[in-house]
Amino acid sequence: MALWKISAKSSTNAPCKNKRQKLEKGMFVETSTASTTPPLGQTREHPMLAQLFMSKYGIEIDPSHMNRSYFDCEKIG
């Protein structure tokens, strides 16, 4: 099991479904995974990551945009 911090690289509205919403640099969520593979590298994890951003910040992220272009993934545990 691994603990991960997924954070926004920069301020943008590009990955957001609603273009009036904006992802701000430094926004982050934390999650755990059963494997040691980063969740940004696993397509099946993207909807869960998008839901975490929705729950924490109220921002709808398009799961197809959950990638290293917009987010950093850091193993923290």
N, C-alpha and C. Protein backbone atom coordinates (compact mmCIF):
# COMPACT_ATOMS: atom_id res chain seq x y z
N MET A 1 0.85 -1.18 0.00
CA MET A 1 0.00 0.00 0.00
C MET A 1 0.89 1.24 0.00
N ALA A 2 0.45 2.27 -0.74
CA ALA A 2 1.21 3.51 -0.84
C ALA A 2 0.27 4.71 -0.69
N LEU A 3 0.80 5.79 -0.14
CA LEU A 3 0.05 7.03 0.02
C LEU A 3 0.61 8.05 -0.97
N TRP A 4 -0.29 8.76 -1.67
CA TRP A 4 0.11 9.68 -2.74
C TRP A 4 -0.51 11.06 -2.54
N LYS A 5 0.24 12.07 -2.95
CA LYS A 5 -0.25 13.45 -2.99
C LYS A 5 -0.29 13.86 -4.46
N ILE A 6 -1.47 14.22 -4.94
CA ILE A 6 -1.68 14.66 -6.32
C ILE A 6 -1.94 16.16 -6.25
N SER A 7 -1.07 16.96 -6.87
CA SER A 7 -1.22 18.41 -6.78
C SER A 7 -1.19 19.06 -8.16
N ALA A 8 -1.87 20.20 -8.27
CA ALA A 8 -1.94 20.95 -9.52
C ALA A 8 -0.60 21.64 -9.78
N LYS A 9 -0.09 21.51 -10.99
CA LYS A 9 1.19 22.12 -11.35
C LYS A 9 1.08 23.63 -11.52
N SER A 10 -0.04 24.08 -12.09
CA SER A 10 -0.21 25.51 -12.35
C SER A 10 -1.69 25.88 -12.33
N SER A 11 -1.97 27.15 -12.32
CA SER A 11 -3.35 27.63 -12.35
C SER A 11 -3.86 27.58 -13.78
N THR A 12 -4.98 26.89 -13.97
CA THR A 12 -5.55 26.72 -15.30
C THR A 12 -7.00 26.27 -15.20
N ASN A 13 -7.76 26.47 -16.25
CA ASN A 13 -9.11 25.91 -16.29
C ASN A 13 -9.18 24.77 -17.30
N ALA A 14 -8.05 24.40 -17.91
CA ALA A 14 -8.02 23.40 -18.97
C ALA A 14 -8.60 22.04 -18.59
N PRO A 15 -8.27 21.44 -17.43
CA PRO A 15 -8.80 20.11 -17.16
C PRO A 15 -10.22 20.12 -16.58
N CYS A 16 -10.80 21.30 -16.36
CA CYS A 16 -12.10 21.40 -15.71
C CYS A 16 -13.23 21.23 -16.72
N LYS A 17 -14.27 20.50 -16.33
CA LYS A 17 -15.44 20.31 -17.21
C LYS A 17 -16.18 21.63 -17.38
N ASN A 18 -16.32 22.39 -16.29
CA ASN A 18 -17.00 23.68 -16.32
C ASN A 18 -15.91 24.74 -16.45
N LYS A 19 -15.85 25.41 -17.58
CA LYS A 19 -14.76 26.35 -17.85
C LYS A 19 -14.78 27.58 -16.94
N ARG A 20 -15.85 27.76 -16.16
CA ARG A 20 -15.88 28.86 -15.20
C ARG A 20 -15.13 28.50 -13.92
N GLN A 21 -14.81 27.22 -13.78
CA GLN A 21 -14.04 26.77 -12.62
C GLN A 21 -12.57 26.81 -12.97
N LYS A 22 -11.75 27.02 -11.97
CA LYS A 22 -10.32 27.12 -12.21
C LYS A 22 -9.56 26.28 -11.21
N LEU A 23 -8.62 25.52 -11.70
CA LEU A 23 -7.72 24.76 -10.87
C LEU A 23 -6.57 25.69 -10.52
N GLU A 24 -6.31 25.86 -9.24
CA GLU A 24 -5.24 26.75 -8.79
C GLU A 24 -3.99 25.96 -8.44
N LYS A 25 -2.84 26.52 -8.75
CA LYS A 25 -1.57 25.88 -8.44
C LYS A 25 -1.51 25.58 -6.94
N GLY A 26 -1.10 24.36 -6.63
CA GLY A 26 -0.98 23.96 -5.23
C GLY A 26 -2.17 23.22 -4.67
N MET A 27 -3.34 23.27 -5.34
CA MET A 27 -4.46 22.46 -4.88
C MET A 27 -4.03 21.01 -4.91
N PHE A 28 -4.40 20.24 -3.89
CA PHE A 28 -3.96 18.85 -3.85
C PHE A 28 -5.00 17.96 -3.17
N VAL A 29 -4.89 16.69 -3.46
CA VAL A 29 -5.65 15.66 -2.77
C VAL A 29 -4.67 14.56 -2.40
N GLU A 30 -5.04 13.77 -1.43
CA GLU A 30 -4.23 12.63 -1.01
C GLU A 30 -5.07 11.37 -1.16
N THR A 31 -4.41 10.29 -1.56
CA THR A 31 -5.10 9.01 -1.71
C THR A 31 -4.12 7.89 -1.45
N SER A 32 -4.66 6.72 -1.18
CA SER A 32 -3.82 5.54 -1.04
C SER A 32 -4.16 4.57 -2.16
N THR A 33 -3.19 3.76 -2.53
CA THR A 33 -3.40 2.74 -3.55
C THR A 33 -2.85 1.41 -3.04
N ALA A 34 -3.38 0.34 -3.56
CA ALA A 34 -2.92 -0.99 -3.17
C ALA A 34 -1.56 -1.30 -3.76
N SER A 35 -1.25 -0.69 -4.89
CA SER A 35 0.04 -0.95 -5.54
C SER A 35 0.98 0.24 -5.34
N THR A 36 2.21 0.07 -5.76
CA THR A 36 3.18 1.16 -5.66
C THR A 36 3.29 1.94 -6.95
N THR A 37 2.41 1.65 -7.92
CA THR A 37 2.36 2.39 -9.18
C THR A 37 1.62 3.69 -8.95
N PRO A 38 2.16 4.82 -9.40
CA PRO A 38 1.48 6.11 -9.20
C PRO A 38 0.07 6.11 -9.81
N PRO A 39 -0.91 6.67 -9.11
CA PRO A 39 -2.28 6.66 -9.61
C PRO A 39 -2.47 7.45 -10.91
N LEU A 40 -1.62 8.43 -11.19
CA LEU A 40 -1.74 9.16 -12.46
C LEU A 40 -1.38 8.27 -13.63
N GLY A 41 -0.65 7.19 -13.39
CA GLY A 41 -0.28 6.26 -14.44
C GLY A 41 -1.29 5.15 -14.64
N GLN A 42 -2.37 5.16 -13.87
CA GLN A 42 -3.39 4.11 -13.95
C GLN A 42 -4.73 4.73 -14.31
N THR A 43 -5.17 4.51 -15.53
CA THR A 43 -6.42 5.10 -16.02
C THR A 43 -7.60 4.76 -15.13
N ARG A 44 -7.62 3.58 -14.55
CA ARG A 44 -8.76 3.18 -13.71
C ARG A 44 -8.86 4.02 -12.44
N GLU A 45 -7.77 4.69 -12.04
CA GLU A 45 -7.75 5.53 -10.84
C GLU A 45 -8.21 6.97 -11.11
N HIS A 46 -8.23 7.39 -12.36
CA HIS A 46 -8.54 8.78 -12.71
C HIS A 46 -9.91 9.25 -12.25
N PRO A 47 -11.00 8.46 -12.44
CA PRO A 47 -12.30 8.92 -11.92
C PRO A 47 -12.30 9.14 -10.42
N MET A 48 -11.59 8.28 -9.67
CA MET A 48 -11.51 8.44 -8.22
C MET A 48 -10.77 9.72 -7.87
N LEU A 49 -9.68 10.03 -8.58
CA LEU A 49 -8.94 11.26 -8.33
C LEU A 49 -9.79 12.48 -8.65
N ALA A 50 -10.53 12.42 -9.75
CA ALA A 50 -11.43 13.53 -10.11
C ALA A 50 -12.49 13.73 -9.02
N GLN A 51 -12.99 12.62 -8.47
CA GLN A 51 -14.00 12.71 -7.40
C GLN A 51 -13.40 13.32 -6.13
N LEU A 52 -12.14 13.04 -5.85
CA LEU A 52 -11.49 13.63 -4.68
C LEU A 52 -11.39 15.15 -4.82
N PHE A 53 -11.05 15.64 -6.02
CA PHE A 53 -11.00 17.09 -6.25
C PHE A 53 -12.41 17.69 -6.14
N MET A 54 -13.42 16.96 -6.60
CA MET A 54 -14.80 17.45 -6.50
C MET A 54 -15.21 17.54 -5.03
N SER A 55 -14.89 16.52 -4.25
CA SER A 55 -15.26 16.50 -2.83
C SER A 55 -14.56 17.59 -2.04
N LYS A 56 -13.28 17.82 -2.33
CA LYS A 56 -12.49 18.77 -1.55
C LYS A 56 -12.70 20.22 -1.99
N TYR A 57 -12.75 20.45 -3.30
CA TYR A 57 -12.77 21.83 -3.82
C TYR A 57 -14.03 22.19 -4.59
N GLY A 58 -14.88 21.21 -4.91
CA GLY A 58 -16.08 21.49 -5.70
C GLY A 58 -15.78 21.74 -7.16
N ILE A 59 -14.64 21.25 -7.63
CA ILE A 59 -14.22 21.45 -9.01
C ILE A 59 -14.38 20.14 -9.77
N GLU A 60 -15.10 20.20 -10.89
CA GLU A 60 -15.28 19.01 -11.73
C GLU A 60 -14.11 18.87 -12.69
N ILE A 61 -13.26 17.90 -12.45
CA ILE A 61 -12.13 17.62 -13.32
C ILE A 61 -12.55 16.52 -14.30
N ASP A 62 -12.23 16.70 -15.56
CA ASP A 62 -12.47 15.66 -16.55
C ASP A 62 -11.46 14.54 -16.31
N PRO A 63 -11.91 13.31 -15.99
CA PRO A 63 -10.97 12.23 -15.70
C PRO A 63 -9.96 11.97 -16.82
N SER A 64 -10.32 12.28 -18.05
CA SER A 64 -9.38 12.06 -19.16
C SER A 64 -8.22 13.05 -19.12
N HIS A 65 -8.32 14.10 -18.29
CA HIS A 65 -7.25 15.09 -18.15
C HIS A 65 -6.43 14.90 -16.87
N MET A 66 -6.64 13.77 -16.19
CA MET A 66 -5.85 13.47 -15.00
C MET A 66 -4.53 12.87 -15.46
N ASN A 67 -3.57 13.73 -15.77
CA ASN A 67 -2.27 13.26 -16.25
C ASN A 67 -1.17 14.20 -15.78
N ARG A 68 0.03 13.86 -16.11
CA ARG A 68 1.19 14.63 -15.65
C ARG A 68 1.33 15.99 -16.34
N SER A 69 0.50 16.27 -17.33
CA SER A 69 0.52 17.60 -17.95
C SER A 69 0.02 18.66 -16.96
N TYR A 70 -0.96 18.28 -16.15
CA TYR A 70 -1.59 19.22 -15.23
C TYR A 70 -1.29 18.95 -13.76
N PHE A 71 -0.86 17.73 -13.43
CA PHE A 71 -0.72 17.33 -12.04
C PHE A 71 0.64 16.69 -11.76
N ASP A 72 1.12 16.90 -10.53
CA ASP A 72 2.29 16.20 -10.02
C ASP A 72 1.81 15.09 -9.11
N CYS A 73 2.56 14.02 -9.07
CA CYS A 73 2.21 12.89 -8.21
C CYS A 73 3.43 12.57 -7.36
N GLU A 74 3.25 12.65 -6.05
CA GLU A 74 4.36 12.45 -5.12
C GLU A 74 4.00 11.36 -4.12
N LYS A 75 4.86 10.39 -3.97
CA LYS A 75 4.64 9.34 -2.98
C LYS A 75 5.02 9.90 -1.61
N ILE A 76 4.08 9.82 -0.66
CA ILE A 76 4.33 10.39 0.66
C ILE A 76 4.30 9.35 1.77
N GLY A 77 4.05 8.12 1.42
CA GLY A 77 4.02 7.08 2.44
C GLY A 77 4.02 5.70 1.87
